[in-house]
Amino acid sequence: MENRRLTLYPGIHVRTKLAGDKCAHVANRKNFTHLLPERISFDKIIISNPKIYFMSTDTLSDFYDNYDYTAFWNGRNYENGADEIAVSRLLSIITKDKSVAQLNFIDMGCGPGRMVHIYEPIYKEITLLDSSVDQLKEAQGNVKDVDKSKTVLANVQETTLQNEHYDAALCLRVFHYISNPEEVFKEMNRILKPGGYLILEIPNKLNFKNRIRSIFVKKHKNADFGNQIIKSGREDDLIFVNHNPKDISALLKSSNFEVIELLSVSNFRSTFIKKIFPIPFLLFIEKFTQKALAFFWFGPSIYFLARKVS
């Protein structure tokens, strides 16, 4: 057994989901040492008052090595199109900055490589990083010029890549597994060149639907708009995190990043709306509302364009 020291807060419970569901209660703020089996590496500590969930990178990798993530996007043409609009818009801002070279690009948590077709033509070298072997294989299959690409099997908190190598980075549909964003930003800051850009997407806890619920739905009244835990219905050990974009913005700034642009994405993600309106029409409206609705933290996804301060 090995000791892992955590700093916890009053009234928080600890639940080690991968270690026999043992629980502990912390009545007072203090350092709490919880014994965990040596065979389990807890890379994620997800806090959601009153519980802390532990989740290992191995669990996440195993899940996606046995999950058809490409099939997940079947029937989600609107959401995929909305992501493409956002990524294309933010990349166009980056490419207009002549002070930054268009040499090295990294897709951090690339999954099956949904956005490869957008950034591959722009950069001379692209790196596909993911913690899943199967996802990396699929992403590599979407690359047209394999000589300009490389794959890296790693997690976004600890990439082992060289310092200040990349001109730009994309992190899309990853932060719903990230409970320690400051560690990820530290790593991103390390591998980006001075003045390098980060395109970051987060699941938005402050989205319009959640705020309406907090007003009118009894069980959601007085909602805490900090990080929110959602357990997957497909896999008990897979846990999702929604983030407060205000907190993420502050963490980016404290991590040596300047926020350049914000976008609200998938603003019309509703089964009802998608049944009424054709997808091309929704994407047309999406294109003209992403920037305006970001001011209200409206949509379920918020995109940040941030630049590493030189």
C-alpha atoms as a PDB file:
ATOM      1  CA  MET A   1       0.000   0.000   0.000  1.00  0.00           C
ATOM      2  CA  GLU A   2       1.147   3.576  -0.597  1.00  0.00           C
ATOM      3  CA  ASN A   3       0.027   6.841   0.934  1.00  0.00           C
ATOM      4  CA  ARG A   4      -1.426   9.596  -1.267  1.00  0.00           C
ATOM      5  CA  ARG A   5      -1.905  12.939   0.512  1.00  0.00           C
ATOM      6  CA  LEU A   6      -4.862  15.070  -0.495  1.00  0.00           C
ATOM      7  CA  THR A   7      -5.978  18.477   0.735  1.00  0.00           C
ATOM      8  CA  LEU A   8      -9.708  18.268   1.327  1.00  0.00           C
ATOM      9  CA  TYR A   9     -12.370  20.631   2.594  1.00  0.00           C
ATOM     10  CA  PRO A  10     -15.107  20.475   5.254  1.00  0.00           C
ATOM     11  CA  GLY A  11     -17.887  18.006   4.623  1.00  0.00           C
ATOM     12  CA  ILE A  12     -16.260  16.306   1.632  1.00  0.00           C
ATOM     13  CA  HIS A  13     -16.561  12.556   1.193  1.00  0.00           C
ATOM     14  CA  VAL A  14     -13.919  10.431  -0.480  1.00  0.00           C
ATOM     15  CA  ARG A  15     -15.105   7.602  -2.652  1.00  0.00           C
ATOM     16  CA  THR A  16     -12.513   5.384  -4.299  1.00  0.00           C
ATOM     17  CA  LYS A  17     -14.618   3.887  -7.052  1.00  0.00           C
ATOM     18  CA  LEU A  18     -11.818   1.619  -8.280  1.00  0.00           C
ATOM     19  CA  ALA A  19     -10.810   0.381  -4.834  1.00  0.00           C
ATOM     20  CA  GLY A  20     -13.887  -1.324  -3.518  1.00  0.00           C
ATOM     21  CA  ASP A  21     -16.014   1.811  -3.051  1.00  0.00           C
ATOM     22  CA  LYS A  22     -14.420   2.599   0.289  1.00  0.00           C
ATOM     23  CA  CYS A  23     -15.625   5.909   1.686  1.00  0.00           C
ATOM     24  CA  ALA A  24     -14.331   8.382   4.232  1.00  0.00           C
ATOM     25  CA  HIS A  25     -15.780  11.609   5.587  1.00  0.00           C
ATOM     26  CA  VAL A  26     -13.729  14.704   6.365  1.00  0.00           C
ATOM     27  CA  ALA A  27     -15.343  16.855   9.017  1.00  0.00           C
ATOM     28  CA  ASN A  28     -12.659  19.518   9.190  1.00  0.00           C
ATOM     29  CA  ARG A  29     -10.280  21.094   6.697  1.00  0.00           C
ATOM     30  CA  LYS A  30      -7.027  19.176   6.929  1.00  0.00           C
ATOM     31  CA  ASN A  31      -4.587  17.032   5.035  1.00  0.00           C
ATOM     32  CA  PHE A  32      -6.065  13.579   4.727  1.00  0.00           C
ATOM     33  CA  THR A  33      -4.003  10.507   3.877  1.00  0.00           C
ATOM     34  CA  HIS A  34      -6.042   7.811   2.179  1.00  0.00           C
ATOM     35  CA  LEU A  35      -4.527   4.400   1.538  1.00  0.00           C
ATOM     36  CA  LEU A  36      -4.938   3.194  -2.020  1.00  0.00           C
ATOM     37  CA  PRO A  37      -3.692  -0.032  -3.627  1.00  0.00           C
ATOM     38  CA  GLU A  38      -0.319   0.399  -5.320  1.00  0.00           C
ATOM     39  CA  ARG A  39      -1.618  -1.222  -8.509  1.00  0.00           C
ATOM     40  CA  ILE A  40      -3.996   1.671  -9.155  1.00  0.00           C
ATOM     41  CA  SER A  41      -2.649   4.969 -10.458  1.00  0.00           C
ATOM     42  CA  PHE A  42      -5.168   7.705  -9.765  1.00  0.00           C
ATOM     43  CA  ASP A  43      -4.399  10.370 -12.335  1.00  0.00           C
ATOM     44  CA  LYS A  44      -7.715  12.159 -11.882  1.00  0.00           C
ATOM     45  CA  ILE A  45      -9.148  13.469  -8.634  1.00  0.00           C
ATOM     46  CA  ILE A  46     -12.545  14.909  -9.429  1.00  0.00           C
ATOM     47  CA  ILE A  47     -14.105  17.168  -6.788  1.00  0.00           C
ATOM     48  CA  SER A  48     -17.860  17.709  -6.615  1.00  0.00           C
ATOM     49  CA  ASN A  49     -19.166  18.632  -3.204  1.00  0.00           C
ATOM     50  CA  PRO A  50     -19.766  16.467  -1.257  1.00  0.00           C
ATOM     51  CA  LYS A  51     -17.785  13.744  -3.078  1.00  0.00           C
ATOM     52  CA  ILE A  52     -14.389  13.218  -4.597  1.00  0.00           C
ATOM     53  CA  TYR A  53     -14.115  10.618  -7.322  1.00  0.00           C
ATOM     54  CA  PHE A  54     -10.883   8.946  -8.326  1.00  0.00           C
ATOM     55  CA  MET A  55     -10.375   7.919 -11.912  1.00  0.00           C
ATOM     56  CA  SER A  56      -7.295   6.460 -13.528  1.00  0.00           C
ATOM     57  CA  THR A  57      -5.926   7.224 -16.967  1.00  0.00           C
ATOM     58  CA  ASP A  58      -5.811   3.469 -17.538  1.00  0.00           C
ATOM     59  CA  THR A  59      -9.587   3.339 -17.070  1.00  0.00           C
ATOM     60  CA  LEU A  60     -10.102   6.075 -19.662  1.00  0.00           C
ATOM     61  CA  SER A  61      -7.698   4.462 -22.141  1.00  0.00           C
ATOM     62  CA  ASP A  62      -9.304   1.047 -21.744  1.00  0.00           C
ATOM     63  CA  PHE A  63     -12.734   2.545 -22.288  1.00  0.00           C
ATOM     64  CA  TYR A  64     -11.808   4.204 -25.591  1.00  0.00           C
ATOM     65  CA  ASP A  65      -9.812   1.189 -26.746  1.00  0.00           C
ATOM     66  CA  ASN A  66     -13.105  -0.693 -26.639  1.00  0.00           C
ATOM     67  CA  TYR A  67     -15.495   2.049 -27.752  1.00  0.00           C
ATOM     68  CA  ASP A  68     -16.498   3.101 -31.264  1.00  0.00           C
ATOM     69  CA  TYR A  69     -16.132   6.855 -30.840  1.00  0.00           C
ATOM     70  CA  THR A  70     -16.641   7.437 -34.555  1.00  0.00           C
ATOM     71  CA  ALA A  71     -20.038   5.740 -34.325  1.00  0.00           C
ATOM     72  CA  PHE A  72     -20.849   8.063 -31.410  1.00  0.00           C
ATOM     73  CA  TRP A  73     -20.861  10.953 -33.894  1.00  0.00           C
ATOM     74  CA  ASN A  74     -23.377   9.280 -36.185  1.00  0.00           C
ATOM     75  CA  GLY A  75     -26.528  11.391 -36.016  1.00  0.00           C
ATOM     76  CA  ARG A  76     -24.600  14.277 -34.483  1.00  0.00           C
ATOM     77  CA  ASN A  77     -23.923  16.157 -37.703  1.00  0.00           C
ATOM     78  CA  TYR A  78     -24.996  19.443 -36.157  1.00  0.00           C
ATOM     79  CA  GLU A  79     -22.640  19.145 -33.174  1.00  0.00           C
ATOM     80  CA  ASN A  80     -19.759  18.019 -35.384  1.00  0.00           C
ATOM     81  CA  GLY A  81     -20.435  20.844 -37.829  1.00  0.00           C
ATOM     82  CA  ALA A  82     -20.570  23.373 -34.993  1.00  0.00           C
ATOM     83  CA  ASP A  83     -17.151  22.186 -33.791  1.00  0.00           C
ATOM     84  CA  GLU A  84     -15.769  22.495 -37.331  1.00  0.00           C
ATOM     85  CA  ILE A  85     -17.064  26.062 -37.608  1.00  0.00           C
ATOM     86  CA  ALA A  86     -15.433  27.011 -34.298  1.00  0.00           C
ATOM     87  CA  VAL A  87     -12.076  25.371 -35.015  1.00  0.00           C
ATOM     88  CA  SER A  88     -11.931  26.876 -38.516  1.00  0.00           C
ATOM     89  CA  ARG A  89     -12.816  30.340 -37.197  1.00  0.00           C
ATOM     90  CA  LEU A  90     -10.138  30.279 -34.504  1.00  0.00           C
ATOM     91  CA  LEU A  91      -7.492  28.835 -36.813  1.00  0.00           C
ATOM     92  CA  SER A  92      -8.188  31.678 -39.237  1.00  0.00           C
ATOM     93  CA  ILE A  93      -7.359  34.140 -36.457  1.00  0.00           C
ATOM     94  CA  ILE A  94      -4.104  32.305 -35.746  1.00  0.00           C
ATOM     95  CA  THR A  95      -3.010  32.192 -39.385  1.00  0.00           C
ATOM     96  CA  LYS A  96      -3.515  35.943 -39.712  1.00  0.00           C
ATOM     97  CA  ASP A  97      -0.878  36.478 -37.020  1.00  0.00           C
ATOM     98  CA  LYS A  98       2.312  36.671 -39.089  1.00  0.00           C
ATOM     99  CA  SER A  99       4.470  36.742 -35.953  1.00  0.00           C
ATOM    100  CA  VAL A 100       3.714  33.048 -35.364  1.00  0.00           C
ATOM    101  CA  ALA A 101       5.093  30.371 -37.701  1.00  0.00           C
ATOM    102  CA  GLN A 102       2.805  27.694 -39.104  1.00  0.00           C
ATOM    103  CA  LEU A 103       5.205  24.837 -38.515  1.00  0.00           C
ATOM    104  CA  ASN A 104       4.269  22.551 -35.639  1.00  0.00           C
ATOM    105  CA  PHE A 105       0.730  21.752 -34.485  1.00  0.00           C
ATOM    106  CA  ILE A 106      -0.463  19.334 -31.816  1.00  0.00           C
ATOM    107  CA  ASP A 107      -3.935  17.878 -31.317  1.00  0.00           C
ATOM    108  CA  MET A 108      -4.043  17.034 -27.609  1.00  0.00           C
ATOM    109  CA  GLY A 109      -6.578  14.283 -27.056  1.00  0.00           C
ATOM    110  CA  CYS A 110      -7.160  13.886 -30.770  1.00  0.00           C
ATOM    111  CA  GLY A 111      -9.603  10.968 -30.510  1.00  0.00           C
ATOM    112  CA  PRO A 112     -10.373   9.624 -34.008  1.00  0.00           C
ATOM    113  CA  GLY A 113      -9.002  12.803 -35.599  1.00  0.00           C
ATOM    114  CA  ARG A 114     -12.250  14.602 -36.425  1.00  0.00           C
ATOM    115  CA  MET A 115     -10.497  17.912 -37.062  1.00  0.00           C
ATOM    116  CA  VAL A 116      -7.435  16.619 -38.939  1.00  0.00           C
ATOM    117  CA  HIS A 117      -8.848  17.735 -42.296  1.00  0.00           C
ATOM    118  CA  ILE A 118      -8.999  21.333 -41.035  1.00  0.00           C
ATOM    119  CA  TYR A 119      -5.517  21.817 -39.583  1.00  0.00           C
ATOM    120  CA  GLU A 120      -3.437  19.365 -41.634  1.00  0.00           C
ATOM    121  CA  PRO A 121      -3.280  21.627 -44.741  1.00  0.00           C
ATOM    122  CA  ILE A 122      -2.052  24.571 -42.630  1.00  0.00           C
ATOM    123  CA  TYR A 123       0.903  23.125 -40.717  1.00  0.00           C
ATOM    124  CA  LYS A 124       4.124  21.463 -41.853  1.00  0.00           C
ATOM    125  CA  GLU A 125       4.183  19.024 -38.952  1.00  0.00           C
ATOM    126  CA  ILE A 126       1.242  17.693 -36.937  1.00  0.00           C
ATOM    127  CA  THR A 127       1.319  15.636 -33.754  1.00  0.00           C
ATOM    128  CA  LEU A 128      -1.622  13.463 -32.746  1.00  0.00           C
ATOM    129  CA  LEU A 129      -1.674  12.792 -29.013  1.00  0.00           C
ATOM    130  CA  ASP A 130      -4.104  10.510 -27.208  1.00  0.00           C
ATOM    131  CA  SER A 131      -4.094   8.004 -24.347  1.00  0.00           C
ATOM    132  CA  SER A 132      -5.865   5.375 -26.488  1.00  0.00           C
ATOM    133  CA  VAL A 133      -3.990   3.250 -29.026  1.00  0.00           C
ATOM    134  CA  ASP A 134      -7.164   2.569 -31.015  1.00  0.00           C
ATOM    135  CA  GLN A 135      -8.044   6.264 -31.232  1.00  0.00           C
ATOM    136  CA  LEU A 136      -4.545   7.113 -32.438  1.00  0.00           C
ATOM    137  CA  LYS A 137      -4.735   4.474 -35.155  1.00  0.00           C
ATOM    138  CA  GLU A 138      -8.038   5.868 -36.366  1.00  0.00           C
ATOM    139  CA  ALA A 139      -6.757   9.447 -36.266  1.00  0.00           C
ATOM    140  CA  GLN A 140      -3.670   8.481 -38.242  1.00  0.00           C
ATOM    141  CA  GLY A 141      -5.976   6.997 -40.856  1.00  0.00           C
ATOM    142  CA  ASN A 142      -7.522  10.449 -41.379  1.00  0.00           C
ATOM    143  CA  VAL A 143      -4.158  12.027 -42.202  1.00  0.00           C
ATOM    144  CA  LYS A 144      -3.536  12.485 -45.923  1.00  0.00           C
ATOM    145  CA  ASP A 145       0.214  13.075 -45.737  1.00  0.00           C
ATOM    146  CA  VAL A 146       1.511  10.588 -43.146  1.00  0.00           C
ATOM    147  CA  ASP A 147       5.077  11.842 -43.572  1.00  0.00           C
ATOM    148  CA  LYS A 148       4.170  15.125 -41.872  1.00  0.00           C
ATOM    149  CA  SER A 149       2.454  13.517 -38.877  1.00  0.00           C
ATOM    150  CA  LYS A 150       3.436  11.586 -35.785  1.00  0.00           C
ATOM    151  CA  THR A 151       1.452   9.939 -33.013  1.00  0.00           C
ATOM    152  CA  VAL A 152       2.137  10.135 -29.291  1.00  0.00           C
ATOM    153  CA  LEU A 153       0.572   7.816 -26.725  1.00  0.00           C
ATOM    154  CA  ALA A 154       0.246   9.959 -23.597  1.00  0.00           C
ATOM    155  CA  ASN A 155      -2.195  11.916 -21.481  1.00  0.00           C
ATOM    156  CA  VAL A 156      -2.508  15.671 -21.710  1.00  0.00           C
ATOM    157  CA  GLN A 157      -1.215  16.277 -18.188  1.00  0.00           C
ATOM    158  CA  GLU A 158       2.178  14.714 -18.907  1.00  0.00           C
ATOM    159  CA  THR A 159       3.117  14.502 -22.574  1.00  0.00           C
ATOM    160  CA  THR A 160       6.920  14.064 -22.230  1.00  0.00           C
ATOM    161  CA  LEU A 161       7.247  16.224 -25.383  1.00  0.00           C
ATOM    162  CA  GLN A 162      10.069  18.726 -25.790  1.00  0.00           C
ATOM    163  CA  ASN A 163       9.867  22.249 -24.423  1.00  0.00           C
ATOM    164  CA  GLU A 164       8.567  25.126 -26.546  1.00  0.00           C
ATOM    165  CA  HIS A 165       8.209  23.078 -29.732  1.00  0.00           C
ATOM    166  CA  TYR A 166       4.666  23.830 -30.925  1.00  0.00           C
ATOM    167  CA  ASP A 167       3.240  26.906 -32.602  1.00  0.00           C
ATOM    168  CA  ALA A 168      -0.368  25.945 -31.849  1.00  0.00           C
ATOM    169  CA  ALA A 169      -2.359  23.325 -29.946  1.00  0.00           C
ATOM    170  CA  LEU A 170      -5.930  22.060 -30.074  1.00  0.00           C
ATOM    171  CA  CYS A 171      -7.679  20.468 -27.096  1.00  0.00           C
ATOM    172  CA  LEU A 172     -11.208  19.460 -28.086  1.00  0.00           C
ATOM    173  CA  ARG A 173     -13.699  17.279 -26.186  1.00  0.00           C
ATOM    174  CA  VAL A 174     -11.053  16.455 -23.591  1.00  0.00           C
ATOM    175  CA  PHE A 175     -11.833  18.652 -20.599  1.00  0.00           C
ATOM    176  CA  HIS A 176     -14.902  16.660 -19.633  1.00  0.00           C
ATOM    177  CA  TYR A 177     -12.329  14.207 -18.201  1.00  0.00           C
ATOM    178  CA  ILE A 178     -10.083  16.864 -16.652  1.00  0.00           C
ATOM    179  CA  SER A 179     -10.414  17.661 -12.968  1.00  0.00           C
ATOM    180  CA  ASN A 180      -7.056  19.420 -12.658  1.00  0.00           C
ATOM    181  CA  PRO A 181      -6.999  22.004 -15.469  1.00  0.00           C
ATOM    182  CA  GLU A 182      -4.126  23.936 -13.915  1.00  0.00           C
ATOM    183  CA  GLU A 183      -1.864  20.903 -14.458  1.00  0.00           C
ATOM    184  CA  VAL A 184      -2.924  20.657 -18.105  1.00  0.00           C
ATOM    185  CA  PHE A 185      -2.333  24.379 -18.667  1.00  0.00           C
ATOM    186  CA  LYS A 186       1.102  24.050 -17.109  1.00  0.00           C
ATOM    187  CA  GLU A 187       1.958  21.313 -19.603  1.00  0.00           C
ATOM    188  CA  MET A 188       0.497  23.259 -22.523  1.00  0.00           C
ATOM    189  CA  ASN A 189       2.512  26.287 -21.506  1.00  0.00           C
ATOM    190  CA  ARG A 190       5.644  24.143 -21.413  1.00  0.00           C
ATOM    191  CA  ILE A 191       5.323  22.665 -24.931  1.00  0.00           C
ATOM    192  CA  LEU A 192       4.088  25.808 -26.718  1.00  0.00           C
ATOM    193  CA  LYS A 193       6.529  28.334 -28.124  1.00  0.00           C
ATOM    194  CA  PRO A 194       6.377  31.886 -26.711  1.00  0.00           C
ATOM    195  CA  GLY A 195       3.431  33.512 -28.453  1.00  0.00           C
ATOM    196  CA  GLY A 196       2.004  30.105 -29.374  1.00  0.00           C
ATOM    197  CA  TYR A 197      -1.750  29.601 -29.524  1.00  0.00           C
ATOM    198  CA  LEU A 198      -4.130  27.232 -27.737  1.00  0.00           C
ATOM    199  CA  ILE A 199      -7.613  26.365 -28.975  1.00  0.00           C
ATOM    200  CA  LEU A 200      -9.444  24.915 -25.982  1.00  0.00           C
ATOM    201  CA  GLU A 201     -12.996  23.550 -25.714  1.00  0.00           C
ATOM    202  CA  ILE A 202     -14.691  22.948 -22.368  1.00  0.00           C
ATOM    203  CA  PRO A 203     -18.106  21.575 -21.385  1.00  0.00           C
ATOM    204  CA  ASN A 204     -19.907  24.603 -19.984  1.00  0.00           C
ATOM    205  CA  LYS A 205     -21.500  24.372 -16.548  1.00  0.00           C
ATOM    206  CA  LEU A 206     -22.939  27.895 -16.961  1.00  0.00           C
ATOM    207  CA  ASN A 207     -24.897  27.048 -20.109  1.00  0.00           C
ATOM    208  CA  PHE A 208     -28.312  28.613 -20.561  1.00  0.00           C
ATOM    209  CA  LYS A 209     -30.212  25.385 -19.942  1.00  0.00           C
ATOM    210  CA  ASN A 210     -28.497  24.849 -16.582  1.00  0.00           C
ATOM    211  CA  ARG A 211     -29.241  28.399 -15.461  1.00  0.00           C
ATOM    212  CA  ILE A 212     -32.914  28.057 -16.364  1.00  0.00           C
ATOM    213  CA  ARG A 213     -33.048  24.826 -14.399  1.00  0.00           C
ATOM    214  CA  SER A 214     -31.507  26.541 -11.385  1.00  0.00           C
ATOM    215  CA  ILE A 215     -34.369  29.055 -11.405  1.00  0.00           C
ATOM    216  CA  PHE A 216     -37.418  26.914 -12.158  1.00  0.00           C
ATOM    217  CA  VAL A 217     -36.583  23.313 -11.220  1.00  0.00           C
ATOM    218  CA  LYS A 218     -36.780  22.701  -7.509  1.00  0.00           C
ATOM    219  CA  LYS A 219     -33.938  20.194  -7.196  1.00  0.00           C
ATOM    220  CA  HIS A 220     -31.637  22.515  -9.157  1.00  0.00           C
ATOM    221  CA  LYS A 221     -32.393  25.688  -7.200  1.00  0.00           C
ATOM    222  CA  ASN A 222     -29.412  27.346  -5.546  1.00  0.00           C
ATOM    223  CA  ALA A 223     -27.177  25.333  -7.848  1.00  0.00           C
ATOM    224  CA  ASP A 224     -23.428  25.442  -7.305  1.00  0.00           C
ATOM    225  CA  PHE A 225     -21.887  26.551 -10.594  1.00  0.00           C
ATOM    226  CA  GLY A 226     -18.472  25.119  -9.843  1.00  0.00           C
ATOM    227  CA  ASN A 227     -17.304  21.899 -11.461  1.00  0.00           C
ATOM    228  CA  GLN A 228     -20.120  19.395 -11.953  1.00  0.00           C
ATOM    229  CA  ILE A 229     -19.783  15.614 -11.968  1.00  0.00           C
ATOM    230  CA  ILE A 230     -21.851  13.506 -14.358  1.00  0.00           C
ATOM    231  CA  LYS A 231     -21.518   9.736 -14.214  1.00  0.00           C
ATOM    232  CA  SER A 232     -21.622   7.948 -17.546  1.00  0.00           C
ATOM    233  CA  GLY A 233     -24.555   5.646 -18.108  1.00  0.00           C
ATOM    234  CA  ARG A 234     -22.375   3.424 -20.280  1.00  0.00           C
ATOM    235  CA  GLU A 235     -19.524   2.782 -17.883  1.00  0.00           C
ATOM    236  CA  ASP A 236     -19.730   3.184 -14.127  1.00  0.00           C
ATOM    237  CA  ASP A 237     -16.088   4.102 -13.731  1.00  0.00           C
ATOM    238  CA  LEU A 238     -16.168   6.798 -16.430  1.00  0.00           C
ATOM    239  CA  ILE A 239     -16.955  10.232 -15.013  1.00  0.00           C
ATOM    240  CA  PHE A 240     -17.504  13.529 -16.796  1.00  0.00           C
ATOM    241  CA  VAL A 241     -16.770  17.042 -15.542  1.00  0.00           C
ATOM    242  CA  ASN A 242     -18.527  20.252 -16.575  1.00  0.00           C
ATOM    243  CA  HIS A 243     -16.474  23.400 -15.960  1.00  0.00           C
ATOM    244  CA  ASN A 244     -17.294  26.959 -15.023  1.00  0.00           C
ATOM    245  CA  PRO A 245     -15.831  29.003 -17.934  1.00  0.00           C
ATOM    246  CA  LYS A 246     -15.115  31.939 -15.628  1.00  0.00           C
ATOM    247  CA  ASP A 247     -12.847  29.701 -13.568  1.00  0.00           C
ATOM    248  CA  ILE A 248     -11.147  28.356 -16.689  1.00  0.00           C
ATOM    249  CA  SER A 249     -10.573  31.883 -17.963  1.00  0.00           C
ATOM    250  CA  ALA A 250      -8.954  32.854 -14.671  1.00  0.00           C
ATOM    251  CA  LEU A 251      -6.790  29.714 -14.647  1.00  0.00           C
ATOM    252  CA  LEU A 252      -5.607  30.392 -18.191  1.00  0.00           C
ATOM    253  CA  LYS A 253      -4.531  33.886 -17.211  1.00  0.00           C
ATOM    254  CA  SER A 254      -2.727  32.633 -14.112  1.00  0.00           C
ATOM    255  CA  SER A 255      -1.009  29.993 -16.281  1.00  0.00           C
ATOM    256  CA  ASN A 256       0.677  32.559 -18.541  1.00  0.00           C
ATOM    257  CA  PHE A 257      -2.017  32.658 -21.231  1.00  0.00           C
ATOM    258  CA  GLU A 258      -3.868  35.636 -22.667  1.00  0.00           C
ATOM    259  CA  VAL A 259      -7.462  34.935 -23.745  1.00  0.00           C
ATOM    260  CA  ILE A 260      -7.906  36.302 -27.276  1.00  0.00           C
ATOM    261  CA  GLU A 261     -11.354  35.050 -28.308  1.00  0.00           C
ATOM    262  CA  LEU A 262     -14.366  33.239 -26.874  1.00  0.00           C
ATOM    263  CA  LEU A 263     -17.025  31.257 -28.746  1.00  0.00           C
ATOM    264  CA  SER A 264     -20.256  29.635 -27.608  1.00  0.00           C
ATOM    265  CA  VAL A 265     -20.719  26.408 -29.575  1.00  0.00           C
ATOM    266  CA  SER A 266     -23.541  23.941 -30.254  1.00  0.00           C
ATOM    267  CA  ASN A 267     -25.978  26.636 -29.181  1.00  0.00           C
ATOM    268  CA  PHE A 268     -28.987  24.814 -30.663  1.00  0.00           C
ATOM    269  CA  ARG A 269     -28.150  21.337 -29.414  1.00  0.00           C
ATOM    270  CA  SER A 270     -31.654  20.077 -28.789  1.00  0.00           C
ATOM    271  CA  THR A 271     -33.361  16.969 -30.097  1.00  0.00           C
ATOM    272  CA  PHE A 272     -36.571  18.966 -30.492  1.00  0.00           C
ATOM    273  CA  ILE A 273     -34.912  21.795 -32.439  1.00  0.00           C
ATOM    274  CA  LYS A 274     -33.000  19.383 -34.672  1.00  0.00           C
ATOM    275  CA  LYS A 275     -36.242  17.638 -35.593  1.00  0.00           C
ATOM    276  CA  ILE A 276     -37.880  20.897 -36.655  1.00  0.00           C
ATOM    277  CA  PHE A 277     -35.059  22.626 -38.534  1.00  0.00           C
ATOM    278  CA  PRO A 278     -32.699  21.134 -41.141  1.00  0.00           C
ATOM    279  CA  ILE A 279     -29.063  20.785 -40.060  1.00  0.00           C
ATOM    280  CA  PRO A 280     -27.694  23.166 -42.765  1.00  0.00           C
ATOM    281  CA  PHE A 281     -30.028  25.905 -41.502  1.00  0.00           C
ATOM    282  CA  LEU A 282     -28.971  25.360 -37.874  1.00  0.00           C
ATOM    283  CA  LEU A 283     -25.301  25.485 -38.850  1.00  0.00           C
ATOM    284  CA  PHE A 284     -25.905  28.688 -40.798  1.00  0.00           C
ATOM    285  CA  ILE A 285     -27.403  30.297 -37.669  1.00  0.00           C
ATOM    286  CA  GLU A 286     -24.675  28.733 -35.517  1.00  0.00           C
ATOM    287  CA  LYS A 287     -21.976  30.420 -37.566  1.00  0.00           C
ATOM    288  CA  PHE A 288     -23.394  33.882 -36.863  1.00  0.00           C
ATOM    289  CA  THR A 289     -24.182  33.358 -33.172  1.00  0.00           C
ATOM    290  CA  GLN A 290     -21.064  31.678 -31.765  1.00  0.00           C
ATOM    291  CA  LYS A 291     -19.246  34.904 -30.982  1.00  0.00           C
ATOM    292  CA  ALA A 292     -22.269  36.902 -29.821  1.00  0.00           C
ATOM    293  CA  LEU A 293     -23.605  34.204 -27.466  1.00  0.00           C
ATOM    294  CA  ALA A 294     -20.199  33.675 -25.873  1.00  0.00           C
ATOM    295  CA  PHE A 295     -20.795  36.913 -23.947  1.00  0.00           C
ATOM    296  CA  PHE A 296     -23.656  35.110 -22.137  1.00  0.00           C
ATOM    297  CA  TRP A 297     -21.833  31.758 -21.714  1.00  0.00           C
ATOM    298  CA  PHE A 298     -24.844  30.394 -23.580  1.00  0.00           C
ATOM    299  CA  GLY A 299     -24.018  27.061 -25.200  1.00  0.00           C
ATOM    300  CA  PRO A 300     -23.016  23.652 -23.825  1.00  0.00           C
ATOM    301  CA  SER A 301     -19.482  24.127 -25.182  1.00  0.00           C
ATOM    302  CA  ILE A 302     -17.243  27.155 -24.763  1.00  0.00           C
ATOM    303  CA  TYR A 303     -14.174  27.630 -26.922  1.00  0.00           C
ATOM    304  CA  PHE A 304     -11.180  29.660 -25.813  1.00  0.00           C
ATOM    305  CA  LEU A 305      -8.482  30.992 -28.109  1.00  0.00           C
ATOM    306  CA  ALA A 306      -5.552  31.753 -25.816  1.00  0.00           C
ATOM    307  CA  ARG A 307      -2.014  32.860 -26.519  1.00  0.00           C
ATOM    308  CA  LYS A 308       1.033  32.050 -24.456  1.00  0.00           C
ATOM    309  CA  VAL A 309       2.489  35.253 -23.112  1.00  0.00           C
ATOM    310  CA  SER A 310       6.048  35.691 -24.390  1.00  0.00           C
END
